Amino acid sequence: MVEFDIEVDASGLHCPLPLLRLKKALMEMDSGGIVKIIATDPAAHLDIGVYSDQSGHKILDFVRHAEQQIFYIRKK
């Protein structure tokens, strides 16, 4: 399990809300901080993956658990 600084529970939210919640959390933290985000939107892995690639933030881990997708993202 990855240590994290902020947890964002975006369960039940649909695109683009999980991504917007992630962006807000990242803006509130210093470089190197880690966000854990939980999403149930089936497209979340696509949205968050593309955003991470384009923004330079790093996905440290990605886990699917039942209908949840759990991401650990380090701010650049």
C-alpha atoms as a PDB file:
ATOM      1  CA  MET A   1       0.000   0.000   0.000  1.00  0.00           C
ATOM      2  CA  VAL A   2       1.213   3.495  -0.869  1.00  0.00           C
ATOM      3  CA  GLU A   3       1.408   6.226   1.781  1.00  0.00           C
ATOM      4  CA  PHE A   4      -0.621   9.282   0.764  1.00  0.00           C
ATOM      5  CA  ASP A   5      -1.264  12.841   1.924  1.00  0.00           C
ATOM      6  CA  ILE A   6      -4.819  13.448   0.698  1.00  0.00           C
ATOM      7  CA  GLU A   7      -7.655  11.038  -0.094  1.00  0.00           C
ATOM      8  CA  VAL A   8     -10.331  12.002  -2.607  1.00  0.00           C
ATOM      9  CA  ASP A   9     -13.442   9.827  -2.714  1.00  0.00           C
ATOM     10  CA  ALA A  10     -15.083  10.410  -6.083  1.00  0.00           C
ATOM     11  CA  SER A  11     -17.269   7.306  -5.833  1.00  0.00           C
ATOM     12  CA  GLY A  12     -20.575   7.715  -7.626  1.00  0.00           C
ATOM     13  CA  LEU A  13     -19.384  10.742  -9.606  1.00  0.00           C
ATOM     14  CA  HIS A  14     -19.252  10.712 -13.382  1.00  0.00           C
ATOM     15  CA  CYS A  15     -16.840  12.331 -15.820  1.00  0.00           C
ATOM     16  CA  PRO A  16     -15.470  14.955 -15.496  1.00  0.00           C
ATOM     17  CA  LEU A  17     -16.057  15.267 -11.734  1.00  0.00           C
ATOM     18  CA  PRO A  18     -13.463  12.689 -10.543  1.00  0.00           C
ATOM     19  CA  LEU A  19     -10.819  14.443 -12.638  1.00  0.00           C
ATOM     20  CA  LEU A  20     -11.855  17.887 -11.371  1.00  0.00           C
ATOM     21  CA  ARG A  21     -11.669  16.679  -7.758  1.00  0.00           C
ATOM     22  CA  LEU A  22      -8.198  15.274  -8.440  1.00  0.00           C
ATOM     23  CA  LYS A  23      -7.026  18.563  -9.966  1.00  0.00           C
ATOM     24  CA  LYS A  24      -8.337  20.507  -6.963  1.00  0.00           C
ATOM     25  CA  ALA A  25      -6.531  18.213  -4.518  1.00  0.00           C
ATOM     26  CA  LEU A  26      -3.269  18.498  -6.469  1.00  0.00           C
ATOM     27  CA  MET A  27      -3.486  22.300  -6.462  1.00  0.00           C
ATOM     28  CA  GLU A  28      -3.734  22.276  -2.655  1.00  0.00           C
ATOM     29  CA  MET A  29      -0.510  20.325  -2.100  1.00  0.00           C
ATOM     30  CA  ASP A  30       3.218  20.773  -2.540  1.00  0.00           C
ATOM     31  CA  SER A  31       5.337  19.065  -5.169  1.00  0.00           C
ATOM     32  CA  GLY A  32       5.988  15.430  -4.243  1.00  0.00           C
ATOM     33  CA  GLY A  33       2.703  15.066  -2.372  1.00  0.00           C
ATOM     34  CA  ILE A  34       0.572  11.997  -3.049  1.00  0.00           C
ATOM     35  CA  VAL A  35      -3.178  11.881  -3.679  1.00  0.00           C
ATOM     36  CA  LYS A  36      -5.229   8.723  -3.330  1.00  0.00           C
ATOM     37  CA  ILE A  37      -8.351   8.968  -5.474  1.00  0.00           C
ATOM     38  CA  ILE A  38     -11.189   6.459  -5.478  1.00  0.00           C
ATOM     39  CA  ALA A  39     -13.477   6.482  -8.520  1.00  0.00           C
ATOM     40  CA  THR A  40     -16.305   4.293  -9.771  1.00  0.00           C
ATOM     41  CA  ASP A  41     -16.763   5.924 -13.179  1.00  0.00           C
ATOM     42  CA  PRO A  42     -15.708   3.250 -15.711  1.00  0.00           C
ATOM     43  CA  ALA A  43     -13.838   5.862 -17.786  1.00  0.00           C
ATOM     44  CA  ALA A  44     -11.866   7.292 -14.854  1.00  0.00           C
ATOM     45  CA  HIS A  45      -8.724   5.344 -15.714  1.00  0.00           C
ATOM     46  CA  LEU A  46      -8.723   6.893 -19.187  1.00  0.00           C
ATOM     47  CA  ASP A  47      -9.324  10.460 -17.988  1.00  0.00           C
ATOM     48  CA  ILE A  48      -6.845  10.293 -15.129  1.00  0.00           C
ATOM     49  CA  GLY A  49      -4.244   8.495 -17.256  1.00  0.00           C
ATOM     50  CA  VAL A  50      -4.342  11.102 -20.011  1.00  0.00           C
ATOM     51  CA  TYR A  51      -4.312  13.955 -17.504  1.00  0.00           C
ATOM     52  CA  SER A  52      -1.308  12.494 -15.686  1.00  0.00           C
ATOM     53  CA  ASP A  53       0.606  12.038 -18.946  1.00  0.00           C
ATOM     54  CA  GLN A  54      -0.120  15.595 -20.070  1.00  0.00           C
ATOM     55  CA  SER A  55       0.482  17.286 -16.715  1.00  0.00           C
ATOM     56  CA  GLY A  56       3.581  15.359 -15.665  1.00  0.00           C
ATOM     57  CA  HIS A  57       2.085  13.972 -12.454  1.00  0.00           C
ATOM     58  CA  LYS A  58       3.005  10.323 -11.889  1.00  0.00           C
ATOM     59  CA  ILE A  59       0.586   7.464 -11.272  1.00  0.00           C
ATOM     60  CA  LEU A  60       2.411   5.429  -8.638  1.00  0.00           C
ATOM     61  CA  ASP A  61      -0.166   2.659  -8.408  1.00  0.00           C
ATOM     62  CA  PHE A  62      -3.532   1.734  -9.886  1.00  0.00           C
ATOM     63  CA  VAL A  63      -5.788  -0.917  -8.351  1.00  0.00           C
ATOM     64  CA  ARG A  64      -9.195  -2.193  -9.394  1.00  0.00           C
ATOM     65  CA  HIS A  65     -11.261  -3.493  -6.504  1.00  0.00           C
ATOM     66  CA  ALA A  66     -14.791  -4.601  -7.407  1.00  0.00           C
ATOM     67  CA  GLU A  67     -16.257  -1.526  -9.122  1.00  0.00           C
ATOM     68  CA  GLN A  68     -13.722   0.862  -7.614  1.00  0.00           C
ATOM     69  CA  GLN A  69     -10.627   2.197  -9.297  1.00  0.00           C
ATOM     70  CA  ILE A  70      -7.994   3.431  -6.865  1.00  0.00           C
ATOM     71  CA  PHE A  71      -5.137   5.656  -8.026  1.00  0.00           C
ATOM     72  CA  TYR A  72      -2.112   6.929  -6.136  1.00  0.00           C
ATOM     73  CA  ILE A  73      -0.719  10.001  -7.891  1.00  0.00           C
ATOM     74  CA  ARG A  74       2.422  11.975  -7.031  1.00  0.00           C
ATOM     75  CA  LYS A  75       2.365  15.675  -7.828  1.00  0.00           C
ATOM     76  CA  LYS A  76       5.255  16.801 -10.003  1.00  0.00           C
END
